[in-house]
Amino acid sequence: MDYFMGIKGPDFVMLCSDTSAVQQIITIKDDEDKLVPVDSHKLMALSGDPGSRVQFSEYIIANTRLYALRNNNKLSTKAVANFTRNELATALRKNPYQCN
């Protein structure tokens, strides 16, 4: 089970998560990073199967960086959230994806 907590202040957001990767009752890793930086101002908190989580986060990061390179403009936080939601919905329709 994954644990996340977020606190929103007037001009900040603080996120924390556990660092264990567990498969059923066996702890696989104790230093798994579930908070992934998208760019200098955006952070994604990911839960789910470790393989799907890493693959999906790398896909989102690579595509947001590609957009920034092609258009010479970074995506806003809302645009990254919409892109992530759309890609996850598309992936869920095509095949199973165990990532939230």
N, C-alpha and C. Protein backbone atom coordinates (compact mmCIF):
# COMPACT_ATOMS: atom_id res chain seq x y z
N MET A 1 0.84 -1.17 0.00
CA MET A 1 0.00 0.00 0.00
C MET A 1 0.89 1.24 0.00
N ASP A 2 0.51 2.23 -0.78
CA ASP A 2 1.27 3.46 -0.89
C ASP A 2 0.64 4.55 -0.02
N TYR A 3 1.48 5.35 0.60
CA TYR A 3 1.02 6.44 1.45
C TYR A 3 1.53 7.77 0.92
N PHE A 4 0.62 8.72 0.74
CA PHE A 4 0.96 10.06 0.28
C PHE A 4 0.26 11.07 1.17
N MET A 5 0.89 12.22 1.32
CA MET A 5 0.26 13.31 2.05
C MET A 5 0.70 14.62 1.41
N GLY A 6 -0.24 15.53 1.25
CA GLY A 6 0.06 16.84 0.70
C GLY A 6 -0.55 17.92 1.56
N ILE A 7 0.20 18.99 1.74
CA ILE A 7 -0.28 20.14 2.50
C ILE A 7 -0.14 21.36 1.61
N LYS A 8 -1.24 22.12 1.48
CA LYS A 8 -1.24 23.33 0.65
C LYS A 8 -1.30 24.55 1.56
N GLY A 9 -0.33 25.42 1.39
CA GLY A 9 -0.30 26.68 2.13
C GLY A 9 -0.63 27.83 1.20
N PRO A 10 -0.51 29.06 1.69
CA PRO A 10 -0.85 30.22 0.86
C PRO A 10 0.06 30.38 -0.36
N ASP A 11 1.33 30.02 -0.23
CA ASP A 11 2.24 30.15 -1.36
C ASP A 11 3.19 28.96 -1.49
N PHE A 12 2.76 27.79 -1.01
CA PHE A 12 3.59 26.59 -1.12
C PHE A 12 2.72 25.34 -1.10
N VAL A 13 3.30 24.25 -1.55
CA VAL A 13 2.69 22.92 -1.44
C VAL A 13 3.79 21.99 -0.95
N MET A 14 3.48 21.16 0.05
CA MET A 14 4.44 20.21 0.57
C MET A 14 3.89 18.80 0.35
N LEU A 15 4.68 17.93 -0.29
CA LEU A 15 4.28 16.55 -0.55
C LEU A 15 5.23 15.60 0.16
N CYS A 16 4.69 14.48 0.63
CA CYS A 16 5.54 13.43 1.18
C CYS A 16 4.92 12.08 0.84
N SER A 17 5.77 11.07 0.79
CA SER A 17 5.30 9.71 0.49
C SER A 17 6.21 8.70 1.18
N ASP A 18 5.74 7.47 1.24
CA ASP A 18 6.59 6.41 1.76
C ASP A 18 7.61 6.04 0.68
N THR A 19 8.63 5.27 1.06
CA THR A 19 9.68 4.93 0.10
C THR A 19 9.83 3.43 -0.10
N SER A 20 8.82 2.66 0.27
CA SER A 20 8.94 1.21 0.14
C SER A 20 8.21 0.70 -1.10
N ALA A 21 8.84 -0.24 -1.79
CA ALA A 21 8.21 -0.92 -2.91
C ALA A 21 7.89 -2.33 -2.44
N VAL A 22 6.61 -2.67 -2.43
CA VAL A 22 6.17 -3.95 -1.86
C VAL A 22 5.44 -4.75 -2.93
N GLN A 23 5.74 -6.05 -3.00
CA GLN A 23 5.03 -6.99 -3.86
C GLN A 23 4.37 -8.00 -2.94
N GLN A 24 3.07 -7.91 -2.79
CA GLN A 24 2.27 -8.72 -1.88
C GLN A 24 2.77 -8.54 -0.46
N ILE A 25 3.45 -9.53 0.15
CA ILE A 25 3.92 -9.37 1.53
C ILE A 25 5.43 -9.18 1.61
N ILE A 26 6.11 -9.11 0.47
CA ILE A 26 7.56 -8.99 0.44
C ILE A 26 7.96 -7.56 0.10
N THR A 27 8.82 -6.98 0.92
CA THR A 27 9.35 -5.64 0.63
C THR A 27 10.51 -5.80 -0.34
N ILE A 28 10.36 -5.23 -1.54
CA ILE A 28 11.38 -5.34 -2.57
C ILE A 28 12.47 -4.29 -2.38
N LYS A 29 12.06 -3.07 -2.11
CA LYS A 29 12.99 -1.95 -2.00
C LYS A 29 12.56 -1.02 -0.88
N ASP A 30 13.53 -0.45 -0.18
CA ASP A 30 13.22 0.50 0.89
C ASP A 30 13.53 1.94 0.51
N ASP A 31 14.04 2.17 -0.70
CA ASP A 31 14.41 3.54 -1.10
C ASP A 31 13.79 3.93 -2.44
N GLU A 32 12.58 3.48 -2.69
CA GLU A 32 11.87 3.81 -3.94
C GLU A 32 11.35 5.24 -3.88
N ASP A 33 11.64 6.03 -4.91
CA ASP A 33 11.19 7.42 -4.95
C ASP A 33 9.87 7.49 -5.71
N LYS A 34 8.81 7.85 -5.01
CA LYS A 34 7.47 7.93 -5.62
C LYS A 34 7.08 9.36 -5.96
N LEU A 35 7.93 10.31 -5.61
CA LEU A 35 7.73 11.71 -5.98
C LEU A 35 8.72 12.02 -7.10
N VAL A 36 8.20 12.31 -8.28
CA VAL A 36 9.04 12.48 -9.47
C VAL A 36 8.96 13.93 -9.94
N PRO A 37 10.11 14.61 -10.06
CA PRO A 37 10.08 15.98 -10.59
C PRO A 37 9.86 15.99 -12.10
N VAL A 38 8.85 16.73 -12.55
CA VAL A 38 8.57 16.86 -13.98
C VAL A 38 9.46 17.95 -14.56
N ASP A 39 9.51 19.09 -13.90
CA ASP A 39 10.46 20.15 -14.24
C ASP A 39 10.76 20.91 -12.95
N SER A 40 11.31 22.10 -13.06
CA SER A 40 11.75 22.83 -11.87
C SER A 40 10.59 23.28 -10.96
N HIS A 41 9.35 23.31 -11.47
CA HIS A 41 8.22 23.79 -10.68
C HIS A 41 7.09 22.78 -10.55
N LYS A 42 7.27 21.57 -11.06
CA LYS A 42 6.20 20.57 -11.02
C LYS A 42 6.73 19.25 -10.47
N LEU A 43 5.90 18.61 -9.64
CA LEU A 43 6.26 17.35 -9.01
C LEU A 43 5.06 16.41 -9.12
N MET A 44 5.31 15.16 -9.51
CA MET A 44 4.24 14.17 -9.61
C MET A 44 4.39 13.14 -8.49
N ALA A 45 3.30 12.80 -7.85
CA ALA A 45 3.26 11.73 -6.86
C ALA A 45 2.57 10.55 -7.52
N LEU A 46 3.27 9.40 -7.59
CA LEU A 46 2.76 8.24 -8.32
C LEU A 46 2.64 7.04 -7.40
N SER A 47 1.55 6.30 -7.57
CA SER A 47 1.37 5.06 -6.83
C SER A 47 1.05 3.95 -7.81
N GLY A 48 1.13 2.72 -7.35
CA GLY A 48 0.81 1.58 -8.20
C GLY A 48 1.98 0.64 -8.36
N ASP A 49 1.87 -0.23 -9.35
CA ASP A 49 2.92 -1.20 -9.66
C ASP A 49 4.22 -0.47 -9.98
N PRO A 50 5.36 -0.89 -9.39
CA PRO A 50 6.62 -0.16 -9.63
C PRO A 50 7.01 -0.04 -11.10
N GLY A 51 6.84 -1.08 -11.88
CA GLY A 51 7.21 -1.02 -13.29
C GLY A 51 6.35 -0.05 -14.07
N SER A 52 5.04 -0.11 -13.87
CA SER A 52 4.13 0.80 -14.56
C SER A 52 4.34 2.24 -14.10
N ARG A 53 4.63 2.40 -12.81
CA ARG A 53 4.84 3.73 -12.26
C ARG A 53 6.06 4.41 -12.89
N VAL A 54 7.16 3.70 -12.99
CA VAL A 54 8.38 4.26 -13.58
C VAL A 54 8.19 4.52 -15.06
N GLN A 55 7.61 3.57 -15.77
CA GLN A 55 7.41 3.72 -17.21
C GLN A 55 6.49 4.91 -17.51
N PHE A 56 5.41 5.04 -16.78
CA PHE A 56 4.47 6.13 -17.02
C PHE A 56 5.08 7.49 -16.68
N SER A 57 5.81 7.56 -15.57
CA SER A 57 6.43 8.84 -15.20
C SER A 57 7.48 9.26 -16.21
N GLU A 58 8.29 8.32 -16.70
CA GLU A 58 9.29 8.66 -17.72
C GLU A 58 8.62 9.11 -19.01
N TYR A 59 7.50 8.50 -19.36
CA TYR A 59 6.77 8.88 -20.57
C TYR A 59 6.23 10.31 -20.46
N ILE A 60 5.64 10.65 -19.32
CA ILE A 60 5.10 12.00 -19.11
C ILE A 60 6.22 13.04 -19.11
N ILE A 61 7.30 12.76 -18.41
CA ILE A 61 8.43 13.70 -18.34
C ILE A 61 9.03 13.92 -19.72
N ALA A 62 9.25 12.83 -20.46
CA ALA A 62 9.84 12.96 -21.80
C ALA A 62 8.95 13.76 -22.74
N ASN A 63 7.65 13.55 -22.68
CA ASN A 63 6.75 14.29 -23.57
C ASN A 63 6.61 15.76 -23.19
N THR A 64 6.64 16.07 -21.90
CA THR A 64 6.59 17.48 -21.52
C THR A 64 7.87 18.20 -21.91
N ARG A 65 9.01 17.52 -21.80
CA ARG A 65 10.28 18.13 -22.24
C ARG A 65 10.32 18.28 -23.75
N LEU A 66 9.79 17.30 -24.47
CA LEU A 66 9.74 17.38 -25.93
C LEU A 66 8.87 18.56 -26.36
N TYR A 67 7.74 18.75 -25.71
CA TYR A 67 6.88 19.89 -26.03
C TYR A 67 7.62 21.21 -25.80
N ALA A 68 8.34 21.29 -24.68
CA ALA A 68 9.08 22.52 -24.37
C ALA A 68 10.16 22.79 -25.41
N LEU A 69 10.83 21.74 -25.89
CA LEU A 69 11.87 21.92 -26.91
C LEU A 69 11.28 22.32 -28.25
N ARG A 70 10.19 21.70 -28.64
CA ARG A 70 9.58 21.98 -29.94
C ARG A 70 8.96 23.36 -30.00
N ASN A 71 8.32 23.78 -28.93
CA ASN A 71 7.56 25.02 -28.93
C ASN A 71 8.24 26.17 -28.19
N ASN A 72 9.41 25.91 -27.62
CA ASN A 72 10.17 26.93 -26.89
C ASN A 72 9.31 27.56 -25.79
N ASN A 73 8.49 26.73 -25.16
CA ASN A 73 7.57 27.20 -24.12
C ASN A 73 7.24 26.03 -23.21
N LYS A 74 7.38 26.21 -21.90
CA LYS A 74 7.04 25.15 -20.96
C LYS A 74 5.53 25.03 -20.81
N LEU A 75 5.08 23.81 -20.54
CA LEU A 75 3.66 23.59 -20.26
C LEU A 75 3.32 24.11 -18.87
N SER A 76 2.11 24.62 -18.72
CA SER A 76 1.65 25.06 -17.40
C SER A 76 1.31 23.83 -16.55
N THR A 77 1.11 24.06 -15.28
CA THR A 77 0.75 22.95 -14.38
C THR A 77 -0.58 22.33 -14.80
N LYS A 78 -1.53 23.16 -15.18
CA LYS A 78 -2.84 22.65 -15.63
C LYS A 78 -2.69 21.84 -16.91
N ALA A 79 -1.84 22.29 -17.83
CA ALA A 79 -1.64 21.57 -19.09
C ALA A 79 -0.98 20.21 -18.85
N VAL A 80 -0.01 20.15 -17.94
CA VAL A 80 0.63 18.87 -17.61
C VAL A 80 -0.38 17.93 -16.96
N ALA A 81 -1.23 18.46 -16.07
CA ALA A 81 -2.25 17.63 -15.43
C ALA A 81 -3.24 17.10 -16.45
N ASN A 82 -3.67 17.94 -17.39
CA ASN A 82 -4.60 17.49 -18.43
C ASN A 82 -3.95 16.45 -19.34
N PHE A 83 -2.69 16.67 -19.72
CA PHE A 83 -1.98 15.71 -20.56
C PHE A 83 -1.84 14.37 -19.84
N THR A 84 -1.47 14.41 -18.57
CA THR A 84 -1.30 13.18 -17.78
C THR A 84 -2.62 12.43 -17.67
N ARG A 85 -3.69 13.15 -17.36
CA ARG A 85 -5.01 12.51 -17.23
C ARG A 85 -5.44 11.88 -18.54
N ASN A 86 -5.23 12.58 -19.65
CA ASN A 86 -5.61 12.08 -20.97
C ASN A 86 -4.81 10.84 -21.35
N GLU A 87 -3.50 10.86 -21.11
CA GLU A 87 -2.66 9.71 -21.45
C GLU A 87 -2.99 8.50 -20.58
N LEU A 88 -3.28 8.71 -19.31
CA LEU A 88 -3.64 7.60 -18.44
C LEU A 88 -4.99 7.01 -18.84
N ALA A 89 -5.95 7.86 -19.21
CA ALA A 89 -7.26 7.37 -19.67
C ALA A 89 -7.12 6.59 -20.97
N THR A 90 -6.30 7.07 -21.89
CA THR A 90 -6.07 6.36 -23.15
C THR A 90 -5.41 5.02 -22.90
N ALA A 91 -4.41 4.99 -22.02
CA ALA A 91 -3.71 3.74 -21.71
C ALA A 91 -4.64 2.73 -21.05
N LEU A 92 -5.53 3.20 -20.18
CA LEU A 92 -6.46 2.30 -19.50
C LEU A 92 -7.46 1.68 -20.48
N ARG A 93 -7.81 2.42 -21.53
CA ARG A 93 -8.74 1.87 -22.53
C ARG A 93 -8.06 0.82 -23.40
N LYS A 94 -6.76 0.98 -23.64
CA LYS A 94 -6.05 0.06 -24.53
C LYS A 94 -5.63 -1.23 -23.82
N ASN A 95 -5.00 -1.11 -22.67
CA ASN A 95 -4.53 -2.28 -21.93
C ASN A 95 -4.40 -1.93 -20.45
N PRO A 96 -4.28 -2.92 -19.59
CA PRO A 96 -4.19 -2.64 -18.15
C PRO A 96 -2.95 -1.82 -17.81
N TYR A 97 -3.14 -0.84 -16.96
CA TYR A 97 -2.05 0.01 -16.49
C TYR A 97 -2.27 0.19 -15.01
N GLN A 98 -1.36 -0.25 -14.17
CA GLN A 98 -1.56 -0.17 -12.73
C GLN A 98 -0.82 1.02 -12.16
N CYS A 99 -1.27 2.20 -12.49
CA CYS A 99 -0.64 3.42 -12.00
C CYS A 99 -1.72 4.45 -11.71
N ASN A 100 -1.60 5.16 -10.59
CA ASN A 100 -2.56 6.21 -10.22
C ASN A 100 -1.85 7.53 -10.12
